[in-house]
Every structure is written in structure tokens, then in C-alpha cells.
Amino acid sequence: MTLYGIKPAYIAGFSFLCLAVGAVLLFLHDGPYWLALVLFVAVAWSNGRWREAGQQNPAQLSTPAFLVLLLAPFVSMAALVWGLALQL
């Protein structure tokens, strides 16, 4: 099962990388690093839901899991850019 032709594991991996770096940069500059950690957990949950739905019935995928993984790359890049902006 893919999301617009991209495997959810690849989307989650990219998001995890961006969120991890963004959280570290936000932590170093007293930014809201906890928000990046919350998003990290949300992406992990969503990726797990995709795996379960792919093994059973793809129609059982919940809307929140779909939306989290759909928006994850954009939100994680925003956290990374925010952290980089604070770095400058």
C-alpha cells in the first residue's frame, strides 16, 4: 500500500530525520522542541497504522492516520527550517 506512489516507511523515515534534527536545533535555542517530539510520536503511530491496514484491509485505515502521514513531510520540514532559522 502506498501514498501517492511512495511507501509510507520512506515518508516516515524522511520525517523522522527532519524531526530529529529540528528537535535538537529547537532544543539548543530554547524553542518548542517538545512539539517536534510530539510530531515524531504521531508519525510513528501513523506508520504503524499503515502497516496494520496494509496487512489486513486497506479500507480500514483511519482518516487521522492518513492525514498525519500525508502532512508529515511538510510539517517536519517546517520544524527543520524553524530550527535552522534559530541557528542563524
C-alpha atoms as a PDB file:
ATOM      1  CA  MET A   1       0.000   0.000   0.000  1.00  0.00           C
ATOM      2  CA  THR A   2       1.427   3.380  -0.985  1.00  0.00           C
ATOM      3  CA  LEU A   3       0.613   7.040  -0.511  1.00  0.00           C
ATOM      4  CA  TYR A   4       0.607   8.586  -3.980  1.00  0.00           C
ATOM      5  CA  GLY A   5       3.209   6.062  -5.118  1.00  0.00           C
ATOM      6  CA  ILE A   6       5.564   6.475  -2.138  1.00  0.00           C
ATOM      7  CA  LYS A   7       5.880   3.831   0.551  1.00  0.00           C
ATOM      8  CA  PRO A   8       4.771   5.115   3.981  1.00  0.00           C
ATOM      9  CA  ALA A   9       8.003   3.822   5.520  1.00  0.00           C
ATOM     10  CA  TYR A  10      10.005   6.185   3.292  1.00  0.00           C
ATOM     11  CA  ILE A  11       7.788   9.120   4.220  1.00  0.00           C
ATOM     12  CA  ALA A  12       8.107   8.270   7.911  1.00  0.00           C
ATOM     13  CA  GLY A  13      11.884   7.842   7.654  1.00  0.00           C
ATOM     14  CA  PHE A  14      12.320  11.229   5.987  1.00  0.00           C
ATOM     15  CA  SER A  15      10.016  12.819   8.556  1.00  0.00           C
ATOM     16  CA  PHE A  16      11.845  11.180  11.462  1.00  0.00           C
ATOM     17  CA  LEU A  17      15.169  12.503  10.199  1.00  0.00           C
ATOM     18  CA  CYS A  18      13.865  16.051   9.781  1.00  0.00           C
ATOM     19  CA  LEU A  19      12.061  15.994  13.127  1.00  0.00           C
ATOM     20  CA  ALA A  20      15.097  14.658  14.981  1.00  0.00           C
ATOM     21  CA  VAL A  21      17.388  17.366  13.616  1.00  0.00           C
ATOM     22  CA  GLY A  22      14.700  20.008  14.075  1.00  0.00           C
ATOM     23  CA  ALA A  23      14.093  18.957  17.693  1.00  0.00           C
ATOM     24  CA  VAL A  24      17.806  19.170  18.502  1.00  0.00           C
ATOM     25  CA  LEU A  25      18.115  22.614  16.929  1.00  0.00           C
ATOM     26  CA  LEU A  26      14.975  23.842  18.679  1.00  0.00           C
ATOM     27  CA  PHE A  27      16.232  22.442  21.993  1.00  0.00           C
ATOM     28  CA  LEU A  28      19.580  24.231  21.617  1.00  0.00           C
ATOM     29  CA  HIS A  29      17.822  27.565  21.143  1.00  0.00           C
ATOM     30  CA  ASP A  30      15.056  27.142  23.722  1.00  0.00           C
ATOM     31  CA  GLY A  31      12.424  26.663  21.033  1.00  0.00           C
ATOM     32  CA  PRO A  32       9.381  24.380  21.296  1.00  0.00           C
ATOM     33  CA  TYR A  33      11.340  21.124  20.824  1.00  0.00           C
ATOM     34  CA  TRP A  34       8.538  19.231  22.574  1.00  0.00           C
ATOM     35  CA  LEU A  35       6.331  19.952  19.558  1.00  0.00           C
ATOM     36  CA  ALA A  36       8.788  18.131  17.290  1.00  0.00           C
ATOM     37  CA  LEU A  37       8.813  15.199  19.726  1.00  0.00           C
ATOM     38  CA  VAL A  38       5.005  15.046  19.707  1.00  0.00           C
ATOM     39  CA  LEU A  39       5.034  15.026  15.900  1.00  0.00           C
ATOM     40  CA  PHE A  40       7.684  12.284  15.996  1.00  0.00           C
ATOM     41  CA  VAL A  41       5.326  10.095  18.039  1.00  0.00           C
ATOM     42  CA  ALA A  42       2.380  10.942  15.753  1.00  0.00           C
ATOM     43  CA  VAL A  43       4.327   9.881  12.660  1.00  0.00           C
ATOM     44  CA  ALA A  44       5.387   6.637  14.353  1.00  0.00           C
ATOM     45  CA  TRP A  45       1.757   5.916  15.268  1.00  0.00           C
ATOM     46  CA  SER A  46       0.568   6.700  11.760  1.00  0.00           C
ATOM     47  CA  ASN A  47       3.215   4.487  10.154  1.00  0.00           C
ATOM     48  CA  GLY A  48       2.129   1.637  12.429  1.00  0.00           C
ATOM     49  CA  ARG A  49      -1.495   2.107  11.427  1.00  0.00           C
ATOM     50  CA  TRP A  50      -0.484   1.985   7.743  1.00  0.00           C
ATOM     51  CA  ARG A  51       1.349  -1.289   8.327  1.00  0.00           C
ATOM     52  CA  GLU A  52      -1.643  -2.821  10.111  1.00  0.00           C
ATOM     53  CA  ALA A  53      -4.073  -1.693   7.418  1.00  0.00           C
ATOM     54  CA  GLY A  54      -1.794  -2.948   4.647  1.00  0.00           C
ATOM     55  CA  GLN A  55      -1.614  -6.400   6.203  1.00  0.00           C
ATOM     56  CA  GLN A  56      -5.338  -6.669   6.830  1.00  0.00           C
ATOM     57  CA  ASN A  57      -7.714  -4.460   4.870  1.00  0.00           C
ATOM     58  CA  PRO A  58      -6.572  -1.152   3.340  1.00  0.00           C
ATOM     59  CA  ALA A  59     -10.095   0.210   3.676  1.00  0.00           C
ATOM     60  CA  GLN A  60      -9.726   0.114   7.477  1.00  0.00           C
ATOM     61  CA  LEU A  61      -7.100   2.872   7.506  1.00  0.00           C
ATOM     62  CA  SER A  62      -8.328   5.719   9.681  1.00  0.00           C
ATOM     63  CA  THR A  63      -8.538   9.271   8.394  1.00  0.00           C
ATOM     64  CA  PRO A  64      -6.226  10.683  11.113  1.00  0.00           C
ATOM     65  CA  ALA A  65      -3.513   8.180  10.213  1.00  0.00           C
ATOM     66  CA  PHE A  66      -3.826   9.114   6.557  1.00  0.00           C
ATOM     67  CA  LEU A  67      -3.679  12.849   7.271  1.00  0.00           C
ATOM     68  CA  VAL A  68      -0.733  12.571   9.654  1.00  0.00           C
ATOM     69  CA  LEU A  69       1.350  10.703   7.104  1.00  0.00           C
ATOM     70  CA  LEU A  70       0.184  12.979   4.296  1.00  0.00           C
ATOM     71  CA  LEU A  71       1.246  16.122   6.161  1.00  0.00           C
ATOM     72  CA  ALA A  72       4.283  14.664   7.955  1.00  0.00           C
ATOM     73  CA  PRO A  73       6.963  15.619   5.403  1.00  0.00           C
ATOM     74  CA  PHE A  74       5.749  19.216   5.229  1.00  0.00           C
ATOM     75  CA  VAL A  75       5.412  19.687   8.980  1.00  0.00           C
ATOM     76  CA  SER A  76       8.757  18.027   9.662  1.00  0.00           C
ATOM     77  CA  MET A  77      10.484  20.235   7.087  1.00  0.00           C
ATOM     78  CA  ALA A  78       8.886  23.264   8.764  1.00  0.00           C
ATOM     79  CA  ALA A  79      10.348  22.154  12.117  1.00  0.00           C
ATOM     80  CA  LEU A  80      13.756  21.742  10.485  1.00  0.00           C
ATOM     81  CA  VAL A  81      13.590  25.164   8.820  1.00  0.00           C
ATOM     82  CA  TRP A  82      12.465  26.747  12.088  1.00  0.00           C
ATOM     83  CA  GLY A  83      15.416  25.201  13.887  1.00  0.00           C
ATOM     84  CA  LEU A  84      17.803  26.329  11.164  1.00  0.00           C
ATOM     85  CA  ALA A  85      16.374  29.847  11.277  1.00  0.00           C
ATOM     86  CA  LEU A  86      17.060  29.992  15.014  1.00  0.00           C
ATOM     87  CA  GLN A  87      20.578  28.741  14.340  1.00  0.00           C
ATOM     88  CA  LEU A  88      21.302  31.769  12.162  1.00  0.00           C
END
